[in-house]
């Protein structure tokens, strides 16, 4: 059964008339939207990075803050959205700046839970750069909590993943966390 057919059936099952003016093209539009919102499944980390890993002598922290992210909760298929902060300490290799945002998108554009998303981002950056350490913090609002269930409009979920030197060294972790607050 095609995705278009599933959306048509969904409209019928909730009691809508899929043939009324506003809904005639909805199954096709919804199908295309779902394909876009989950296109991360068709992406591969090495294709995303596309060779943009460069030699460096730098051993200082690199931090990219406030990377927007949009994902779908795997439990309710409702959006969650927020921002991601990524830091790493290079081990002879740096990653092209835009590739960090593309890695975030690659994993966000899948059915997700935030906890897994945070770890997937961190682990993939270690994989492609062999960094001494990676730290990722994700802050997101979940519509599954805001518009259904407990209906808490102002809740924000924060998750973190600290790998390598960020986990082992309190000073490095503290530097990262203090940079997030500036």
N, C-alpha and C. Protein backbone atom coordinates (compact mmCIF):
# COMPACT_ATOMS: atom_id res chain seq x y z
N UNK A 1 0.85 -1.18 0.00
CA UNK A 1 0.00 0.00 0.00
C UNK A 1 0.89 1.24 0.00
N UNK A 2 0.58 2.19 -0.84
CA UNK A 2 1.39 3.41 -0.94
C UNK A 2 1.14 4.32 0.26
N UNK A 3 2.07 5.21 0.48
CA UNK A 3 1.93 6.19 1.55
C UNK A 3 0.72 7.09 1.29
N UNK A 4 0.48 7.46 0.04
CA UNK A 4 -0.70 8.25 -0.31
C UNK A 4 -1.98 7.53 0.12
N UNK A 5 -2.04 6.23 -0.17
CA UNK A 5 -3.22 5.43 0.18
C UNK A 5 -3.40 5.35 1.69
N UNK A 6 -2.29 5.25 2.41
CA UNK A 6 -2.37 5.20 3.88
C UNK A 6 -2.93 6.51 4.44
N UNK A 7 -2.49 7.64 3.88
CA UNK A 7 -3.03 8.93 4.35
C UNK A 7 -4.50 9.08 3.98
N UNK A 8 -4.88 8.61 2.82
CA UNK A 8 -6.29 8.62 2.43
C UNK A 8 -7.12 7.80 3.42
N UNK A 9 -6.63 6.62 3.75
CA UNK A 9 -7.31 5.75 4.71
C UNK A 9 -7.35 6.40 6.09
N UNK A 10 -6.26 7.05 6.48
CA UNK A 10 -6.23 7.74 7.77
C UNK A 10 -7.32 8.81 7.84
N UNK A 11 -7.44 9.61 6.79
CA UNK A 11 -8.48 10.64 6.77
C UNK A 11 -9.87 10.02 6.91
N UNK A 12 -10.10 8.94 6.21
CA UNK A 12 -11.39 8.26 6.31
C UNK A 12 -11.61 7.70 7.71
N UNK A 13 -10.56 7.12 8.30
CA UNK A 13 -10.69 6.50 9.62
C UNK A 13 -10.94 7.49 10.75
N UNK A 14 -10.51 8.74 10.57
CA UNK A 14 -10.79 9.73 11.62
C UNK A 14 -12.13 10.42 11.41
N UNK A 15 -12.83 10.03 10.34
CA UNK A 15 -14.16 10.56 10.10
C UNK A 15 -14.23 11.72 9.12
N UNK A 16 -13.15 11.97 8.41
CA UNK A 16 -13.12 13.07 7.44
C UNK A 16 -13.59 12.57 6.08
N UNK A 17 -13.98 13.52 5.26
CA UNK A 17 -14.32 13.25 3.87
C UNK A 17 -13.11 13.65 3.03
N UNK A 18 -12.30 12.69 2.60
CA UNK A 18 -11.08 13.04 1.87
C UNK A 18 -11.34 13.64 0.49
N UNK A 19 -12.61 13.72 0.10
CA UNK A 19 -12.94 14.28 -1.21
C UNK A 19 -13.44 15.72 -1.12
N UNK A 20 -13.49 16.28 0.09
CA UNK A 20 -13.89 17.68 0.20
C UNK A 20 -12.73 18.56 -0.24
N UNK A 21 -13.07 19.81 -0.63
CA UNK A 21 -12.10 20.71 -1.26
C UNK A 21 -10.75 20.78 -0.54
N UNK A 22 -10.76 21.00 0.74
CA UNK A 22 -9.51 21.21 1.47
C UNK A 22 -8.66 19.96 1.62
N UNK A 23 -9.24 18.80 1.37
CA UNK A 23 -8.51 17.55 1.61
C UNK A 23 -8.18 16.76 0.34
N UNK A 24 -8.63 17.21 -0.80
CA UNK A 24 -8.45 16.43 -2.03
C UNK A 24 -6.98 16.08 -2.26
N UNK A 25 -6.09 17.03 -2.10
CA UNK A 25 -4.67 16.79 -2.35
C UNK A 25 -3.88 16.46 -1.09
N UNK A 26 -4.54 16.39 0.06
CA UNK A 26 -3.86 16.17 1.33
C UNK A 26 -3.09 14.85 1.38
N UNK A 27 -3.64 13.72 0.93
CA UNK A 27 -2.84 12.49 1.02
C UNK A 27 -1.49 12.60 0.29
N UNK A 28 -1.47 13.20 -0.86
CA UNK A 28 -0.22 13.37 -1.60
C UNK A 28 0.73 14.33 -0.90
N UNK A 29 0.17 15.45 -0.40
CA UNK A 29 1.02 16.42 0.30
C UNK A 29 1.58 15.83 1.58
N UNK A 30 0.73 15.11 2.33
CA UNK A 30 1.18 14.50 3.59
C UNK A 30 2.24 13.44 3.32
N UNK A 31 2.06 12.69 2.26
CA UNK A 31 3.03 11.67 1.88
C UNK A 31 4.39 12.30 1.57
N UNK A 32 4.39 13.36 0.78
CA UNK A 32 5.64 14.05 0.44
C UNK A 32 6.27 14.67 1.69
N UNK A 33 5.45 15.23 2.58
CA UNK A 33 5.97 15.81 3.81
C UNK A 33 6.64 14.73 4.67
N UNK A 34 6.01 13.58 4.81
CA UNK A 34 6.58 12.50 5.61
C UNK A 34 7.89 12.01 5.01
N UNK A 35 7.95 11.91 3.70
CA UNK A 35 9.20 11.50 3.05
C UNK A 35 10.31 12.51 3.35
N UNK A 36 9.97 13.79 3.30
CA UNK A 36 10.98 14.82 3.59
C UNK A 36 11.40 14.76 5.06
N UNK A 37 10.43 14.65 5.95
CA UNK A 37 10.72 14.68 7.38
C UNK A 37 11.51 13.46 7.84
N UNK A 38 11.55 12.42 7.03
CA UNK A 38 12.29 11.21 7.39
C UNK A 38 13.39 10.87 6.38
N UNK A 39 13.83 11.86 5.61
CA UNK A 39 14.84 11.58 4.59
C UNK A 39 16.20 11.23 5.17
N UNK A 40 16.38 11.37 6.47
CA UNK A 40 17.64 10.98 7.10
C UNK A 40 17.95 9.51 6.97
N UNK A 41 16.91 8.69 6.80
CA UNK A 41 17.13 7.25 6.61
C UNK A 41 17.91 6.95 5.32
N UNK A 42 17.81 7.84 4.36
CA UNK A 42 18.47 7.62 3.07
C UNK A 42 19.86 8.24 3.04
N UNK A 43 20.29 8.79 4.15
CA UNK A 43 21.59 9.46 4.19
C UNK A 43 22.61 8.57 4.90
N UNK A 44 23.85 8.71 4.50
CA UNK A 44 24.97 7.97 5.06
C UNK A 44 25.99 8.98 5.56
N UNK A 45 26.58 8.72 6.72
CA UNK A 45 27.50 9.68 7.32
C UNK A 45 28.65 10.06 6.38
N UNK A 46 29.17 9.10 5.63
CA UNK A 46 30.31 9.39 4.76
C UNK A 46 29.89 10.23 3.55
N UNK A 47 28.67 10.04 3.08
CA UNK A 47 28.15 10.89 2.00
C UNK A 47 27.88 12.30 2.51
N UNK A 48 27.37 12.41 3.73
CA UNK A 48 27.09 13.72 4.32
C UNK A 48 28.39 14.50 4.51
N UNK A 49 29.41 13.86 5.03
CA UNK A 49 30.69 14.53 5.28
C UNK A 49 31.40 14.82 3.95
N UNK A 50 31.28 13.93 2.99
CA UNK A 50 31.77 14.15 1.63
C UNK A 50 33.24 14.61 1.59
N UNK A 51 34.06 13.99 2.42
CA UNK A 51 35.50 14.30 2.40
C UNK A 51 35.90 15.58 3.07
N UNK A 52 34.98 16.28 3.72
CA UNK A 52 35.29 17.58 4.34
C UNK A 52 35.89 17.40 5.73
N UNK A 53 36.94 16.60 5.81
CA UNK A 53 37.72 16.40 7.03
C UNK A 53 39.13 16.84 6.68
N UNK A 54 39.66 17.80 7.45
CA UNK A 54 40.91 18.46 7.07
C UNK A 54 41.96 18.31 8.16
N UNK A 55 43.23 18.19 7.73
CA UNK A 55 44.34 18.10 8.67
C UNK A 55 44.46 19.40 9.47
N UNK A 56 44.87 19.24 10.74
CA UNK A 56 45.07 20.41 11.59
C UNK A 56 46.06 20.08 12.70
N UNK A 57 46.69 21.11 13.21
CA UNK A 57 47.52 20.95 14.40
C UNK A 57 46.75 21.45 15.62
N UNK A 58 45.57 21.98 15.40
CA UNK A 58 44.74 22.54 16.46
C UNK A 58 44.33 21.46 17.46
N UNK A 59 44.46 21.77 18.74
CA UNK A 59 44.00 20.87 19.79
C UNK A 59 43.01 21.58 20.73
N UNK A 60 42.51 22.73 20.28
CA UNK A 60 41.58 23.51 21.08
C UNK A 60 40.14 23.14 20.75
N UNK A 61 39.27 23.41 21.69
CA UNK A 61 37.86 23.07 21.53
C UNK A 61 37.23 23.85 20.38
N UNK A 62 36.43 23.14 19.62
CA UNK A 62 35.62 23.74 18.55
C UNK A 62 34.17 23.55 18.97
N UNK A 63 33.42 24.63 18.99
CA UNK A 63 32.03 24.59 19.45
C UNK A 63 31.12 25.25 18.42
N UNK A 64 30.06 24.56 18.06
CA UNK A 64 29.01 25.14 17.23
C UNK A 64 27.74 25.11 18.06
N UNK A 65 27.20 26.29 18.34
CA UNK A 65 26.01 26.41 19.19
C UNK A 65 24.76 26.68 18.36
N UNK A 66 23.63 26.36 18.95
CA UNK A 66 22.32 26.77 18.44
C UNK A 66 22.01 26.27 17.03
N UNK A 67 22.38 25.03 16.74
CA UNK A 67 22.01 24.43 15.46
C UNK A 67 20.54 24.02 15.57
N UNK A 68 19.69 24.60 14.75
CA UNK A 68 18.26 24.27 14.79
C UNK A 68 18.05 22.82 14.40
N UNK A 69 17.10 22.18 15.07
CA UNK A 69 16.75 20.82 14.66
C UNK A 69 15.25 20.60 14.77
N UNK A 70 14.77 19.76 13.87
CA UNK A 70 13.36 19.39 13.80
C UNK A 70 13.33 17.88 13.60
N UNK A 71 12.55 17.20 14.43
CA UNK A 71 12.48 15.75 14.32
C UNK A 71 11.06 15.30 14.63
N UNK A 72 10.84 13.99 14.51
CA UNK A 72 9.55 13.39 14.83
C UNK A 72 9.73 12.36 15.93
N UNK A 73 8.92 12.47 16.96
CA UNK A 73 8.93 11.51 18.06
C UNK A 73 8.50 10.14 17.53
N UNK A 74 9.31 9.14 17.80
CA UNK A 74 8.99 7.80 17.30
C UNK A 74 7.81 7.17 18.03
N UNK A 75 7.40 7.73 19.14
CA UNK A 75 6.28 7.15 19.89
C UNK A 75 4.93 7.66 19.42
N UNK A 76 4.86 8.93 18.98
CA UNK A 76 3.58 9.53 18.61
C UNK A 76 3.56 10.13 17.21
N UNK A 77 4.72 10.13 16.54
CA UNK A 77 4.87 10.76 15.22
C UNK A 77 4.55 12.25 15.26
N UNK A 78 4.76 12.86 16.40
CA UNK A 78 4.58 14.31 16.54
C UNK A 78 5.95 14.98 16.56
N UNK A 79 6.03 16.22 16.11
CA UNK A 79 7.33 16.90 16.06
C UNK A 79 7.91 17.21 17.43
N UNK A 80 9.23 17.21 17.47
CA UNK A 80 9.95 17.90 18.53
C UNK A 80 10.99 18.76 17.84
N UNK A 81 11.32 19.88 18.47
CA UNK A 81 12.18 20.86 17.82
C UNK A 81 12.96 21.62 18.87
N UNK A 82 14.10 22.10 18.46
CA UNK A 82 14.93 22.85 19.40
C UNK A 82 16.27 23.16 18.80
N UNK A 83 17.30 23.05 19.64
CA UNK A 83 18.64 23.37 19.17
C UNK A 83 19.64 22.37 19.73
N UNK A 84 20.71 22.27 19.00
CA UNK A 84 21.77 21.33 19.32
C UNK A 84 23.08 22.11 19.42
N UNK A 85 23.89 21.75 20.41
CA UNK A 85 25.21 22.34 20.58
C UNK A 85 26.22 21.21 20.47
N UNK A 86 27.22 21.39 19.64
CA UNK A 86 28.22 20.35 19.40
C UNK A 86 29.61 20.93 19.61
N UNK A 87 30.41 20.23 20.42
CA UNK A 87 31.81 20.62 20.60
C UNK A 87 32.68 19.39 20.42
N UNK A 88 33.89 19.63 19.94
CA UNK A 88 34.85 18.54 19.88
C UNK A 88 36.27 19.07 20.00
N UNK A 89 37.16 18.20 20.43
CA UNK A 89 38.59 18.50 20.52
C UNK A 89 39.26 17.65 19.44
N UNK A 90 39.85 18.29 18.43
CA UNK A 90 40.42 17.54 17.32
C UNK A 90 41.63 16.69 17.71
N UNK A 91 41.76 15.62 16.99
CA UNK A 91 42.99 14.82 17.02
C UNK A 91 43.50 14.81 15.57
N UNK A 92 44.14 15.90 15.18
CA UNK A 92 44.74 16.04 13.85
C UNK A 92 43.75 16.25 12.71
N UNK A 93 42.44 16.25 12.98
CA UNK A 93 41.45 16.42 11.91
C UNK A 93 40.32 17.34 12.39
N UNK A 94 39.91 18.26 11.51
CA UNK A 94 38.72 19.08 11.78
C UNK A 94 37.69 18.80 10.69
N UNK A 95 36.47 19.01 11.05
CA UNK A 95 35.33 18.75 10.17
C UNK A 95 34.84 20.07 9.60
N UNK A 96 34.52 20.10 8.32
CA UNK A 96 33.95 21.30 7.72
C UNK A 96 32.75 21.77 8.51
N UNK A 97 32.66 23.04 8.76
CA UNK A 97 31.64 23.61 9.65
C UNK A 97 30.22 23.20 9.27
N UNK A 98 29.86 23.31 8.01
CA UNK A 98 28.49 22.97 7.61
C UNK A 98 28.18 21.50 7.82
N UNK A 99 29.20 20.67 7.86
CA UNK A 99 28.98 19.22 8.00
C UNK A 99 28.43 18.89 9.38
N UNK A 100 28.76 19.70 10.37
CA UNK A 100 28.23 19.45 11.72
C UNK A 100 26.72 19.62 11.70
N UNK A 101 26.24 20.69 11.08
CA UNK A 101 24.79 20.90 10.98
C UNK A 101 24.14 19.81 10.14
N UNK A 102 24.82 19.37 9.09
CA UNK A 102 24.26 18.31 8.24
C UNK A 102 24.17 16.97 8.98
N UNK A 103 25.13 16.72 9.86
CA UNK A 103 25.07 15.50 10.68
C UNK A 103 23.89 15.57 11.63
N UNK A 104 23.68 16.72 12.24
CA UNK A 104 22.52 16.90 13.12
C UNK A 104 21.25 16.62 12.33
N UNK A 105 21.12 17.19 11.15
CA UNK A 105 19.93 16.98 10.32
C UNK A 105 19.75 15.53 9.91
N UNK A 106 20.85 14.87 9.58
CA UNK A 106 20.76 13.49 9.13
C UNK A 106 20.07 12.61 10.17
N UNK A 107 20.44 12.80 11.43
CA UNK A 107 19.83 11.99 12.49
C UNK A 107 18.48 12.53 12.94
N UNK A 108 18.29 13.86 12.89
CA UNK A 108 17.01 14.45 13.29
C UNK A 108 15.91 14.07 12.31
N UNK A 109 16.25 13.88 11.03
CA UNK A 109 15.25 13.56 10.01
C UNK A 109 14.97 12.06 9.95
N UNK A 110 14.78 11.50 11.13
CA UNK A 110 14.38 10.09 11.31
C UNK A 110 13.40 10.07 12.47
N UNK A 111 12.63 9.01 12.58
CA UNK A 111 11.81 8.86 13.78
C UNK A 111 12.78 8.66 14.93
N UNK A 112 12.60 9.44 16.01
CA UNK A 112 13.63 9.50 17.02
C UNK A 112 13.07 9.61 18.43
N UNK A 113 13.94 9.32 19.37
CA UNK A 113 13.81 9.84 20.72
C UNK A 113 15.04 10.73 20.92
N UNK A 114 14.88 11.76 21.68
CA UNK A 114 15.94 12.75 21.83
C UNK A 114 17.21 12.14 22.41
N UNK A 115 17.05 11.21 23.33
CA UNK A 115 18.21 10.59 23.96
C UNK A 115 19.09 9.90 22.92
N UNK A 116 18.49 9.17 22.00
CA UNK A 116 19.25 8.49 20.96
C UNK A 116 19.86 9.49 19.97
N UNK A 117 19.09 10.49 19.61
CA UNK A 117 19.56 11.51 18.68
C UNK A 117 20.87 12.13 19.19
N UNK A 118 20.91 12.47 20.46
CA UNK A 118 22.08 13.11 21.06
C UNK A 118 23.31 12.21 20.93
N UNK A 119 23.14 10.94 21.24
CA UNK A 119 24.26 9.99 21.15
C UNK A 119 24.69 9.73 19.71
N UNK A 120 23.73 9.63 18.80
CA UNK A 120 24.07 9.37 17.40
C UNK A 120 24.92 10.49 16.81
N UNK A 121 24.58 11.72 17.14
CA UNK A 121 25.35 12.86 16.66
C UNK A 121 26.79 12.78 17.18
N UNK A 122 26.93 12.58 18.49
CA UNK A 122 28.27 12.53 19.10
C UNK A 122 29.10 11.39 18.54
N UNK A 123 28.52 10.21 18.47
CA UNK A 123 29.27 9.04 18.01
C UNK A 123 29.69 9.18 16.55
N UNK A 124 28.86 9.79 15.72
CA UNK A 124 29.22 9.93 14.31
C UNK A 124 30.36 10.93 14.13
N UNK A 125 30.41 11.96 14.95
CA UNK A 125 31.51 12.93 14.85
C UNK A 125 32.83 12.28 15.27
N UNK A 126 32.79 11.44 16.29
CA UNK A 126 33.98 10.68 16.66
C UNK A 126 34.39 9.78 15.50
N UNK A 127 33.41 9.12 14.89
CA UNK A 127 33.70 8.20 13.79
C UNK A 127 34.43 8.87 12.64
N UNK A 128 33.98 10.06 12.25
CA UNK A 128 34.56 10.68 11.05
C UNK A 128 35.80 11.53 11.33
N UNK A 129 36.00 11.95 12.59
CA UNK A 129 37.15 12.82 12.89
C UNK A 129 38.19 12.17 13.79
N UNK A 130 37.82 11.09 14.48
CA UNK A 130 38.69 10.48 15.50
C UNK A 130 39.06 11.52 16.56
N UNK A 131 38.11 12.37 16.90
CA UNK A 131 38.33 13.44 17.88
C UNK A 131 38.75 12.88 19.23
N UNK A 132 39.48 13.70 19.99
CA UNK A 132 39.86 13.34 21.36
C UNK A 132 38.63 13.28 22.26
N UNK A 133 37.61 14.02 21.88
CA UNK A 133 36.36 14.03 22.64
C UNK A 133 35.30 14.81 21.91
N UNK A 134 34.06 14.45 22.19
CA UNK A 134 32.91 15.14 21.60
C UNK A 134 31.88 15.35 22.70
N UNK A 135 31.26 16.53 22.68
CA UNK A 135 30.17 16.83 23.60
C UNK A 135 28.99 17.34 22.79
N UNK A 136 27.82 16.82 23.10
CA UNK A 136 26.60 17.25 22.41
C UNK A 136 25.53 17.49 23.46
N UNK A 137 24.87 18.63 23.35
CA UNK A 137 23.70 18.93 24.18
C UNK A 137 22.56 19.28 23.24
N UNK A 138 21.41 18.66 23.47
CA UNK A 138 20.21 18.96 22.69
C UNK A 138 19.16 19.48 23.66
N UNK A 139 18.54 20.61 23.30
CA UNK A 139 17.44 21.19 24.06
C UNK A 139 16.23 21.22 23.12
N UNK A 140 15.14 20.58 23.52
CA UNK A 140 14.00 20.51 22.59
C UNK A 140 12.67 20.56 23.32
N UNK A 141 11.69 21.04 22.58
CA UNK A 141 10.29 21.04 23.00
C UNK A 141 9.58 19.95 22.21
N UNK A 142 8.77 19.18 22.90
CA UNK A 142 8.11 18.02 22.30
C UNK A 142 6.61 18.24 22.23
N UNK A 143 6.07 18.25 21.01
CA UNK A 143 4.63 18.45 20.86
C UNK A 143 3.83 17.30 21.46
N UNK A 144 4.42 16.12 21.59
CA UNK A 144 3.71 15.02 22.23
C UNK A 144 3.45 15.32 23.70
N UNK A 145 4.23 16.23 24.28
CA UNK A 145 4.01 16.65 25.65
C UNK A 145 3.25 17.96 25.73
N UNK A 146 3.30 18.75 24.67
CA UNK A 146 2.68 20.07 24.69
C UNK A 146 1.22 20.05 24.26
N UNK A 147 0.87 19.23 23.26
CA UNK A 147 -0.49 19.31 22.72
C UNK A 147 -1.34 18.08 23.00
N UNK A 148 -0.81 17.13 23.76
CA UNK A 148 -1.57 15.94 24.16
C UNK A 148 -1.03 15.51 25.53
N UNK A 149 -1.58 14.49 26.08
CA UNK A 149 -1.07 13.98 27.36
C UNK A 149 -1.10 15.02 28.45
N UNK A 150 0.05 15.32 29.02
CA UNK A 150 0.12 16.24 30.16
C UNK A 150 -0.03 17.71 29.76
N UNK A 151 0.09 18.03 28.49
CA UNK A 151 -0.11 19.38 27.96
C UNK A 151 0.69 20.44 28.74
N UNK A 152 1.98 20.22 28.83
CA UNK A 152 2.88 21.17 29.50
C UNK A 152 3.59 22.00 28.44
N UNK A 153 3.15 23.25 28.29
CA UNK A 153 3.58 24.12 27.20
C UNK A 153 5.00 24.64 27.33
N UNK A 154 5.51 24.74 28.53
CA UNK A 154 6.81 25.39 28.72
C UNK A 154 7.93 24.42 29.06
N UNK A 155 7.69 23.14 28.92
CA UNK A 155 8.73 22.17 29.26
C UNK A 155 9.76 22.06 28.14
N UNK A 156 10.99 21.94 28.55
CA UNK A 156 12.11 21.76 27.62
C UNK A 156 12.90 20.56 28.12
N UNK A 157 13.16 19.63 27.21
CA UNK A 157 13.98 18.48 27.56
C UNK A 157 15.41 18.77 27.13
N UNK A 158 16.37 18.48 28.02
CA UNK A 158 17.78 18.65 27.70
C UNK A 158 18.46 17.29 27.86
N UNK A 159 19.24 16.94 26.84
CA UNK A 159 20.01 15.70 26.89
C UNK A 159 21.45 16.04 26.54
N UNK A 160 22.37 15.23 27.07
CA UNK A 160 23.78 15.45 26.75
C UNK A 160 24.47 14.12 26.54
N UNK A 161 25.52 14.18 25.77
CA UNK A 161 26.40 13.04 25.56
C UNK A 161 27.82 13.57 25.59
N UNK A 162 28.62 13.04 26.47
CA UNK A 162 30.02 13.44 26.61
C UNK A 162 30.88 12.21 26.32
N UNK A 163 31.73 12.32 25.32
CA UNK A 163 32.60 11.21 24.94
C UNK A 163 34.06 11.64 25.05
N UNK A 164 34.94 10.67 25.32
CA UNK A 164 36.37 10.93 25.37
C UNK A 164 36.73 11.91 26.46
N UNK A 165 37.53 12.92 26.10
CA UNK A 165 38.06 13.86 27.07
C UNK A 165 36.96 14.66 27.79
N UNK A 166 35.80 14.82 27.15
CA UNK A 166 34.70 15.54 27.80
C UNK A 166 34.13 14.72 28.96
N UNK A 167 34.19 13.41 28.86
CA UNK A 167 33.72 12.54 29.94
C UNK A 167 34.81 12.37 31.00
N UNK A 168 36.05 12.27 30.55
CA UNK A 168 37.17 11.94 31.44
C UNK A 168 37.72 13.14 32.20
N UNK A 169 37.59 14.33 31.65
CA UNK A 169 38.25 15.50 32.21
C UNK A 169 37.21 16.55 32.61
N UNK A 170 37.09 16.77 33.91
CA UNK A 170 36.09 17.71 34.44
C UNK A 170 36.33 19.13 33.95
N UNK A 171 37.60 19.53 33.80
CA UNK A 171 37.90 20.90 33.35
C UNK A 171 37.43 21.11 31.92
N UNK A 172 37.63 20.13 31.06
CA UNK A 172 37.19 20.24 29.66
C UNK A 172 35.66 20.30 29.60
N UNK A 173 35.03 19.45 30.39
CA UNK A 173 33.56 19.45 30.43
C UNK A 173 33.05 20.80 30.95
N UNK A 174 33.68 21.33 31.98
CA UNK A 174 33.28 22.63 32.54
C UNK A 174 33.47 23.76 31.55
N UNK A 175 34.57 23.72 30.79
CA UNK A 175 34.80 24.75 29.77
C UNK A 175 33.67 24.72 28.74
N UNK A 176 33.31 23.53 28.28
CA UNK A 176 32.22 23.38 27.32
C UNK A 176 30.92 23.94 27.89
N UNK A 177 30.57 23.53 29.08
CA UNK A 177 29.31 23.97 29.67
C UNK A 177 29.30 25.47 29.93
N UNK A 178 30.43 26.04 30.29
CA UNK A 178 30.47 27.50 30.49
C UNK A 178 30.34 28.24 29.17
N UNK A 179 30.90 27.70 28.09
CA UNK A 179 30.76 28.33 26.77
C UNK A 179 29.31 28.29 26.30
N UNK A 180 28.55 27.28 26.72
CA UNK A 180 27.14 27.22 26.34
C UNK A 180 26.35 28.36 26.96
N UNK A 181 26.79 28.82 28.10
CA UNK A 181 26.06 29.87 28.83
C UNK A 181 26.51 31.27 28.47
N UNK A 182 27.44 31.43 27.53
CA UNK A 182 27.90 32.77 27.17
C UNK A 182 27.24 33.22 25.88
